[in-house]
Protein backbone atom coordinates (compact mmCIF):
# COMPACT_ATOMS: atom_id res chain seq x y z
CA ALA A 1 11.98 30.69 -0.32
CA VAL A 2 11.92 27.53 -2.47
CA ASN A 3 14.55 28.20 -4.74
CA SER A 4 16.95 28.55 -2.11
CA CYS A 5 16.35 24.87 -0.94
CA PRO A 6 18.71 21.90 -1.72
CA ASN A 7 17.08 19.91 -4.90
CA THR A 8 17.31 16.76 -2.30
CA PHE A 9 14.53 18.52 -0.57
CA LYS A 10 12.47 19.79 -3.38
CA HIS A 11 12.56 16.17 -4.85
CA LEU A 12 11.89 14.37 -1.55
CA VAL A 13 8.72 16.76 -1.08
CA THR A 14 7.48 15.81 -4.35
CA TYR A 15 7.98 12.13 -3.81
CA LEU A 16 6.42 12.29 -0.76
CA CYS A 17 3.26 14.11 -2.37
CA GLU A 18 3.26 11.54 -5.16
CA LEU A 19 3.40 8.67 -3.08
CA ALA A 20 0.27 10.00 -1.00
CA LEU A 21 -1.50 10.06 -4.57
CA LEU A 22 -1.12 6.39 -4.27
CA SER A 23 -2.82 5.90 -1.16
CA ASP A 24 -6.72 6.47 -0.53
CA LYS A 25 -6.34 6.60 3.18
CA ILE A 26 -4.35 9.74 2.75
CA ILE A 27 -5.57 11.36 -0.45
CA LEU A 28 -9.30 10.82 -0.03
CA ARG A 29 -9.00 11.71 3.96
CA PHE A 30 -6.81 14.72 3.66
CA HIS A 31 -6.74 18.47 2.05
CA PRO A 32 -3.80 18.46 -0.50
CA SER A 33 -2.28 21.44 1.22
CA LEU A 34 -1.96 19.18 4.51
CA VAL A 35 -0.57 16.45 2.56
CA ALA A 36 2.15 18.98 1.24
CA ALA A 37 2.94 20.38 4.84
CA CYS A 38 3.29 16.56 6.06
CA ALA A 39 5.72 16.07 3.24
CA ILE A 40 7.67 19.32 4.03
CA SER A 41 7.88 18.43 7.45
CA LEU A 42 9.03 15.04 7.10
CA SER A 43 11.60 16.09 4.53
CA LEU A 44 13.15 19.08 6.85
CA GLU A 45 13.68 16.19 9.45
CA THR A 46 15.00 13.71 7.38
CA LEU A 47 17.45 15.90 5.67
CA GLY A 48 18.36 17.79 8.96
CA LEU A 49 17.26 21.17 7.87
CA GLY A 50 14.87 21.97 10.51
CA SER A 51 11.51 20.98 11.84
CA TRP A 52 7.94 22.19 12.00
CA SER A 53 8.19 25.64 13.61
CA PRO A 54 5.66 28.42 14.18
CA SER A 55 6.66 30.14 10.70
CA LEU A 56 5.62 27.08 8.89
CA SER A 57 2.39 27.15 11.05
CA ARG A 58 2.01 30.55 10.04
CA HIS A 59 2.66 30.09 6.40
CA THR A 60 0.49 26.84 5.92
CA GLY A 61 -2.36 27.38 8.65
CA TYR A 62 -1.41 23.91 10.27
CA ASN A 63 -0.28 23.45 13.36
CA TRP A 64 1.80 20.51 14.76
CA PRO A 65 -1.30 18.67 16.40
CA ASP A 66 -2.94 19.17 12.96
CA ILE A 67 -0.40 17.25 10.77
CA GLN A 68 0.29 14.16 12.93
CA THR A 69 -2.11 11.80 11.79
CA CYS A 70 -1.45 12.30 8.16
CA ARG A 71 2.49 12.46 8.59
CA THR A 72 2.17 9.04 10.30
CA LEU A 73 0.12 7.71 7.15
CA LEU A 74 2.58 9.35 4.93
CA HIS A 75 5.64 7.94 6.64
CA LEU A 76 4.03 4.55 6.55
CA GLN A 77 3.40 5.00 2.89
CA PHE A 78 6.99 6.14 2.32
CA SER A 79 8.11 3.05 4.32
CA SER A 80 5.84 0.46 2.49
CA ALA A 81 6.56 1.83 -1.19
CA SER A 82 8.73 -0.90 -1.96
CA LYS A 83 5.78 -3.21 -1.63
CA LEU A 84 3.59 -1.22 -3.46
CA PRO A 85 1.74 -2.82 -6.74
CA GLN A 86 2.79 0.50 -8.60
CA GLN A 87 6.40 1.04 -8.85
CA ALA A 88 6.73 3.72 -11.51
CA VAL A 89 7.23 6.48 -8.47
CA GLN A 90 9.53 4.47 -6.86
CA THR A 91 11.54 3.86 -10.01
CA LYS A 92 11.59 7.37 -11.07
CA TYR A 93 12.61 8.81 -7.63
CA ARG A 94 15.37 6.19 -7.04
CA SER A 95 17.31 7.87 -10.32
CA PRO A 96 20.22 10.29 -10.00
CA GLU A 97 18.20 12.83 -11.49
CA PHE A 98 16.10 12.89 -8.41
CA GLU A 99 18.67 12.57 -5.94
CA ARG A 100 17.65 8.95 -5.26
CA VAL A 101 15.42 10.16 -2.64
CA ALA A 102 13.42 7.02 -2.65
CA ARG A 103 16.40 5.28 -0.92
CA LEU A 104 16.42 7.38 1.91
CA THR A 105 15.28 6.63 5.41
CA LEU A 106 12.69 9.09 6.70
CA ASN A 107 12.79 10.48 10.34
CA HIS A 108 9.80 10.58 12.05
CA ARG A 109 8.87 11.81 15.43
CA ASN A 110 5.48 12.07 17.21
């Protein structure tokens, strides 16, 4: 259940989804539900809370191969966020209120 997830996880997922909105390579190519699934996957692994599982596949309707391309692009968007002309999202998620998730280093597996 979402209410039992750590705040850092919730903030990181939301941050990644907001970053995706700044990328036409992501937002024009992939369904919002797939972007959310990728944000969940990256956040779980980054925070050591798990990885993509049969349960997540069942709940989202996406299998591991389905999320790989979008997940890679989302990771690249995160990695280059400091170079984006739009810095409001990064500034917001660097604050203590959002657990400074913009300062994390994402784990990424292929």
